[in-house]
Amino acid sequence: MPDITQTELMDMIAADESPSNISDKIKDLLFAKSAEKVDAVRPDVANTMFQEPEEEEVDDTPDSEEVEGA
């Protein structure tokens, strides 16, 4: 896919190029921008989703209040 800048897109609009061609180029630009953002966020999401939960230590000894109340 050839890279197109916003300036080139404006030139296409000014030169009365085909509306479907202009629309395709706009879609290409939007797709490229969204792909960059997805690639930037992907590592954080992967770490959040696939990170193993940290196990908290469980104290098996009863509290002094629990022993006295029994």
C-alpha atoms as a PDB file:
ATOM      1  CA  MET A   1       0.000   0.000   0.000  1.00  0.00           C
ATOM      2  CA  PRO A   2       1.599   3.292  -1.019  1.00  0.00           C
ATOM      3  CA  ASP A   3       1.941   5.885   1.692  1.00  0.00           C
ATOM      4  CA  ILE A   4      -0.108   9.009   1.076  1.00  0.00           C
ATOM      5  CA  THR A   5       0.034  12.187   3.101  1.00  0.00           C
ATOM      6  CA  GLN A   6      -2.756  14.551   3.936  1.00  0.00           C
ATOM      7  CA  THR A   7      -1.239  17.093   1.554  1.00  0.00           C
ATOM      8  CA  GLU A   8      -1.407  14.619  -1.305  1.00  0.00           C
ATOM      9  CA  LEU A   9      -5.005  13.867  -0.373  1.00  0.00           C
ATOM     10  CA  MET A  10      -5.881  17.564  -0.512  1.00  0.00           C
ATOM     11  CA  ASP A  11      -4.190  17.776  -3.922  1.00  0.00           C
ATOM     12  CA  MET A  12      -6.348  14.877  -5.124  1.00  0.00           C
ATOM     13  CA  ILE A  13      -9.482  16.673  -3.948  1.00  0.00           C
ATOM     14  CA  ALA A  14      -8.405  19.929  -5.592  1.00  0.00           C
ATOM     15  CA  ALA A  15      -7.579  18.133  -8.867  1.00  0.00           C
ATOM     16  CA  ASP A  16     -11.102  16.638  -9.057  1.00  0.00           C
ATOM     17  CA  GLU A  17      -9.925  13.051  -8.892  1.00  0.00           C
ATOM     18  CA  SER A  18     -12.473  10.267  -8.735  1.00  0.00           C
ATOM     19  CA  PRO A  19     -14.540  10.420  -5.498  1.00  0.00           C
ATOM     20  CA  SER A  20     -14.153   6.676  -5.006  1.00  0.00           C
ATOM     21  CA  ASN A  21     -10.371   7.011  -5.351  1.00  0.00           C
ATOM     22  CA  ILE A  22     -10.340   9.832  -2.787  1.00  0.00           C
ATOM     23  CA  SER A  23     -12.562   7.802  -0.471  1.00  0.00           C
ATOM     24  CA  ASP A  24     -10.221   4.811  -0.747  1.00  0.00           C
ATOM     25  CA  LYS A  25      -7.233   6.989   0.148  1.00  0.00           C
ATOM     26  CA  ILE A  26      -9.062   8.425   3.166  1.00  0.00           C
ATOM     27  CA  LYS A  27      -9.848   4.892   4.334  1.00  0.00           C
ATOM     28  CA  ASP A  28      -6.204   3.921   3.855  1.00  0.00           C
ATOM     29  CA  LEU A  29      -5.081   6.880   5.969  1.00  0.00           C
ATOM     30  CA  LEU A  30      -7.561   6.064   8.740  1.00  0.00           C
ATOM     31  CA  PHE A  31      -6.619   2.401   8.708  1.00  0.00           C
ATOM     32  CA  ALA A  32      -2.917   3.239   8.991  1.00  0.00           C
ATOM     33  CA  LYS A  33      -3.517   5.603  11.909  1.00  0.00           C
ATOM     34  CA  SER A  34      -5.684   3.113  13.770  1.00  0.00           C
ATOM     35  CA  ALA A  35      -3.159   0.317  13.171  1.00  0.00           C
ATOM     36  CA  GLU A  36      -0.426   2.460  14.735  1.00  0.00           C
ATOM     37  CA  LYS A  37      -2.552   3.079  17.818  1.00  0.00           C
ATOM     38  CA  VAL A  38      -3.477  -0.589  18.162  1.00  0.00           C
ATOM     39  CA  ASP A  39       0.179  -1.605  17.878  1.00  0.00           C
ATOM     40  CA  ALA A  40       1.099   0.926  20.570  1.00  0.00           C
ATOM     41  CA  VAL A  41      -1.505  -0.379  23.032  1.00  0.00           C
ATOM     42  CA  ARG A  42      -1.217  -4.099  22.273  1.00  0.00           C
ATOM     43  CA  PRO A  43       1.677  -4.884  24.716  1.00  0.00           C
ATOM     44  CA  ASP A  44      -0.140  -3.253  27.660  1.00  0.00           C
ATOM     45  CA  VAL A  45      -3.371  -5.102  26.939  1.00  0.00           C
ATOM     46  CA  ALA A  46      -1.550  -8.408  26.515  1.00  0.00           C
ATOM     47  CA  ASN A  47       0.227  -7.949  29.844  1.00  0.00           C
ATOM     48  CA  THR A  48      -3.045  -7.118  31.565  1.00  0.00           C
ATOM     49  CA  MET A  49      -5.008  -9.983  30.049  1.00  0.00           C
ATOM     50  CA  PHE A  50      -2.426 -12.755  30.304  1.00  0.00           C
ATOM     51  CA  GLN A  51      -0.599 -11.818  33.475  1.00  0.00           C
ATOM     52  CA  GLU A  52      -0.991 -14.462  36.142  1.00  0.00           C
ATOM     53  CA  PRO A  53      -2.703 -13.152  39.251  1.00  0.00           C
ATOM     54  CA  GLU A  54      -0.511 -12.605  42.243  1.00  0.00           C
ATOM     55  CA  GLU A  55      -1.374 -14.948  45.069  1.00  0.00           C
ATOM     56  CA  GLU A  56      -1.721 -13.390  48.481  1.00  0.00           C
ATOM     57  CA  GLU A  57      -0.281 -15.233  51.432  1.00  0.00           C
ATOM     58  CA  VAL A  58      -2.989 -16.722  53.592  1.00  0.00           C
ATOM     59  CA  ASP A  59      -2.397 -16.749  57.328  1.00  0.00           C
ATOM     60  CA  ASP A  60      -3.613 -20.116  58.648  1.00  0.00           C
ATOM     61  CA  THR A  61      -3.176 -19.223  62.302  1.00  0.00           C
ATOM     62  CA  PRO A  62      -6.402 -18.093  63.989  1.00  0.00           C
ATOM     63  CA  ASP A  63      -6.609 -14.601  65.433  1.00  0.00           C
ATOM     64  CA  SER A  64      -6.629 -14.304  69.207  1.00  0.00           C
ATOM     65  CA  GLU A  65     -10.194 -12.946  69.082  1.00  0.00           C
ATOM     66  CA  GLU A  66     -11.435 -16.007  67.172  1.00  0.00           C
ATOM     67  CA  VAL A  67      -9.901 -18.388  69.736  1.00  0.00           C
ATOM     68  CA  GLU A  68     -11.384 -16.546  72.736  1.00  0.00           C
ATOM     69  CA  GLY A  69     -14.877 -16.415  71.242  1.00  0.00           C
ATOM     70  CA  ALA A  70     -15.065 -20.176  70.665  1.00  0.00           C
END
